Amino acid sequence: MGAADAEELHIQSVYDTGAQTLDFVLFQTDAASASANKGLFKFNVDGTDILNIADGGINLVTGKAYFINSSNVLSGTTLGTGVLTSSLTSVGTLSGGDVTTQVSAASLTLAGRIEIATGAETNTGTDATRAVSPDGLDDWTGSAQMTTLGTITPGYFRGPLLALFAS
């Protein structure tokens, strides 16, 4: 259909080779214009524009939504209520790059986020919620909880553990 060969709409049934089995239906426009979006497909149902298909892709008209099995799954601004909780709706929203509300604190039994202890916090030796870094360990001055057992002086030592190193 069209006024000229360069300005027409083709609707063609394409069948499998050597058979009368319909493979697909081809909708094609020919437009002589060099401007984009000539030969646009507009879908209008009962006098209401629904979507357009142009050179740039499929454009759903404002206020319309995509549906799967009668369930709204996507509109211009939101995922539909019919989208399962196992999809993007369960990811949550990060605000300002702060993930502390999304990742729980680590413990001795659970992986999670940690805070690195300062040198002063490392020296107190009483905080079980922070991790010690190599720098914090280097700053460690010892602990009042440790008892001095004696002084080791140069010499030859004997004993079951030290005998392992003597040979």
Protein backbone atom coordinates (compact mmCIF):
# COMPACT_ATOMS: atom_id res chain seq x y z
CA MET A 1 0.00 0.00 0.00
CA GLY A 2 1.30 3.48 -0.79
CA ALA A 3 1.37 6.36 -3.21
CA ALA A 4 4.74 5.36 -4.72
CA ASP A 5 7.25 2.52 -4.46
CA ALA A 6 9.47 4.68 -2.22
CA GLU A 7 6.57 5.56 0.10
CA GLU A 8 4.67 2.46 1.10
CA LEU A 9 3.72 -0.07 3.74
CA HIS A 10 4.34 -3.78 3.23
CA ILE A 11 2.59 -6.51 5.18
CA GLN A 12 4.04 -9.83 4.13
CA SER A 13 3.42 -13.37 5.32
CA VAL A 14 6.71 -15.26 5.22
CA TYR A 15 6.50 -19.04 5.10
CA ASP A 16 9.05 -21.77 5.85
CA THR A 17 11.00 -22.87 2.79
CA GLY A 18 9.20 -25.60 0.88
CA ALA A 19 6.20 -25.60 3.21
CA GLN A 20 3.03 -23.68 3.86
CA THR A 21 3.87 -23.13 7.53
CA LEU A 22 3.82 -19.46 8.53
CA ASP A 23 7.27 -18.44 9.83
CA PHE A 24 6.56 -14.75 10.61
CA VAL A 25 4.67 -11.68 9.44
CA LEU A 26 6.81 -8.77 8.22
CA PHE A 27 5.59 -5.21 8.72
CA GLN A 28 7.83 -2.86 6.76
CA THR A 29 7.68 0.79 5.80
CA ASP A 30 9.56 2.48 2.99
CA ALA A 31 10.01 6.23 3.34
CA ALA A 32 11.98 8.34 0.88
CA SER A 33 12.56 11.04 3.50
CA ALA A 34 16.04 11.36 5.01
CA SER A 35 14.48 12.46 8.32
CA ALA A 36 14.34 9.97 11.17
CA ASN A 37 11.04 8.45 12.32
CA LYS A 38 9.34 8.59 8.94
CA GLY A 39 7.40 5.41 8.38
CA LEU A 40 6.52 5.34 12.07
CA PHE A 41 4.18 2.60 13.33
CA LYS A 42 1.53 4.04 15.67
CA PHE A 43 -0.70 1.72 17.64
CA ASN A 44 -4.01 3.25 18.62
CA VAL A 45 -6.75 1.24 20.33
CA ASP A 46 -10.29 2.61 20.49
CA GLY A 47 -9.04 6.15 19.76
CA THR A 48 -6.26 6.03 22.38
CA ASP A 49 -2.57 6.10 21.45
CA ILE A 50 -0.76 3.17 23.09
CA LEU A 51 2.74 2.98 21.61
CA ASN A 52 4.91 4.01 18.69
CA ILE A 53 7.64 2.07 16.94
CA ALA A 54 10.17 4.26 15.17
CA ASP A 55 13.81 4.22 14.11
CA GLY A 56 14.87 4.71 17.74
CA GLY A 57 12.84 1.85 19.20
CA ILE A 58 9.56 1.23 20.99
CA ASN A 59 8.03 4.16 22.85
CA LEU A 60 5.16 3.49 25.22
CA VAL A 61 2.87 6.53 25.47
CA THR A 62 2.95 8.46 28.78
CA GLY A 63 0.66 6.97 31.40
CA LYS A 64 0.75 3.46 29.90
CA ALA A 65 2.50 0.40 31.37
CA TYR A 66 3.91 -2.96 30.31
CA PHE A 67 1.90 -5.96 31.44
CA ILE A 68 2.67 -9.68 31.65
CA ASN A 69 -0.32 -11.96 32.12
CA SER A 70 -2.51 -8.95 33.04
CA SER A 71 -0.04 -7.88 35.74
CA ASN A 72 1.56 -4.40 35.57
CA VAL A 73 5.34 -4.95 35.57
CA LEU A 74 6.73 -1.59 34.43
CA SER A 75 5.62 1.98 33.84
CA GLY A 76 7.61 5.10 33.07
CA THR A 77 8.66 5.62 36.70
CA THR A 78 8.14 2.43 38.73
CA LEU A 79 8.20 -1.34 38.73
CA GLY A 80 4.70 -2.68 38.90
CA THR A 81 3.18 -4.27 41.97
CA GLY A 82 3.06 -7.56 40.09
CA VAL A 83 6.86 -7.82 40.04
CA LEU A 84 8.03 -10.59 42.37
CA THR A 85 9.99 -9.67 45.51
CA SER A 86 12.88 -11.79 44.25
CA SER A 87 13.56 -9.24 41.51
CA LEU A 88 14.85 -5.68 41.65
CA THR A 89 12.36 -4.57 44.27
CA SER A 90 14.26 -6.46 46.98
CA VAL A 91 17.57 -4.67 46.36
CA GLY A 92 16.62 -1.53 48.25
CA THR A 93 17.91 1.99 47.75
CA LEU A 94 21.31 3.33 48.70
CA SER A 95 21.16 6.96 49.71
CA GLY A 96 24.33 9.01 49.69
CA GLY A 97 26.55 5.99 49.22
CA ASP A 98 26.02 4.84 52.83
CA VAL A 99 25.77 1.04 52.89
CA THR A 100 25.62 0.70 56.69
CA THR A 101 21.85 0.39 56.51
CA GLN A 102 22.11 -2.36 53.88
CA VAL A 103 24.96 -4.51 55.33
CA SER A 104 24.69 -5.76 58.91
CA ALA A 105 27.58 -5.65 61.35
CA ALA A 106 30.02 -8.56 61.42
CA SER A 107 30.41 -10.79 64.47
CA LEU A 108 32.45 -13.85 65.39
CA THR A 109 29.84 -16.02 63.66
CA LEU A 110 28.45 -13.76 60.88
CA ALA A 111 30.13 -12.05 57.94
CA GLY A 112 29.33 -8.36 57.53
CA ARG A 113 30.76 -4.87 57.78
CA ILE A 114 33.56 -4.09 60.23
CA GLU A 115 35.11 -0.98 61.72
CA ILE A 116 38.90 -0.75 62.01
CA ALA A 117 40.11 -0.04 65.56
CA THR A 118 42.34 2.96 66.24
CA GLY A 119 45.65 2.50 68.04
CA ALA A 120 44.04 3.68 71.29
CA GLU A 121 41.18 1.20 70.89
CA THR A 122 43.68 -1.58 70.17
CA ASN A 123 45.59 -0.72 73.37
CA THR A 124 42.50 -0.96 75.58
CA GLY A 125 42.05 -4.56 74.43
CA THR A 126 38.38 -4.63 75.46
CA ASP A 127 36.50 -3.92 72.20
CA ALA A 128 35.12 -7.06 70.56
CA THR A 129 33.34 -5.23 67.71
CA ARG A 130 36.32 -3.69 65.86
CA ALA A 131 39.09 -5.32 63.82
CA VAL A 132 42.79 -4.59 64.36
CA SER A 133 44.79 -3.47 61.34
CA PRO A 134 48.54 -4.07 60.92
CA ASP A 135 49.10 -0.36 61.71
CA GLY A 136 46.97 -0.65 64.86
CA LEU A 137 48.93 -3.75 65.90
CA ASP A 138 52.17 -1.85 65.37
CA ASP A 139 50.84 0.89 67.70
CA TRP A 140 49.99 -1.67 70.38
CA THR A 141 51.91 -0.91 73.59
CA GLY A 142 51.02 -4.07 75.43
CA SER A 143 48.26 -4.98 77.79
CA ALA A 144 47.81 -4.64 81.51
CA GLN A 145 46.08 -8.00 81.34
CA MET A 146 49.41 -9.70 80.58
CA THR A 147 51.62 -10.76 83.46
CA THR A 148 55.42 -10.53 83.32
CA LEU A 149 56.71 -14.03 83.82
CA GLY A 150 60.38 -13.22 84.10
CA THR A 151 63.38 -12.09 82.11
CA ILE A 152 65.06 -14.07 79.39
CA THR A 153 68.81 -13.61 79.34
CA PRO A 154 71.28 -14.81 76.73
CA GLY A 155 72.41 -18.38 77.26
CA TYR A 156 71.66 -21.97 76.53
CA PHE A 157 68.15 -23.12 77.36
CA ARG A 158 66.95 -26.67 77.87
CA GLY A 159 63.43 -27.92 77.92
CA PRO A 160 61.02 -29.94 75.80
CA LEU A 161 59.97 -27.03 73.55
CA LEU A 162 63.36 -25.40 73.29
CA ALA A 163 65.02 -28.74 72.55
CA LEU A 164 63.20 -28.74 69.21
CA PHE A 165 65.08 -25.62 68.17
CA ALA A 166 68.49 -26.66 69.51
CA SER A 167 69.14 -29.33 66.90
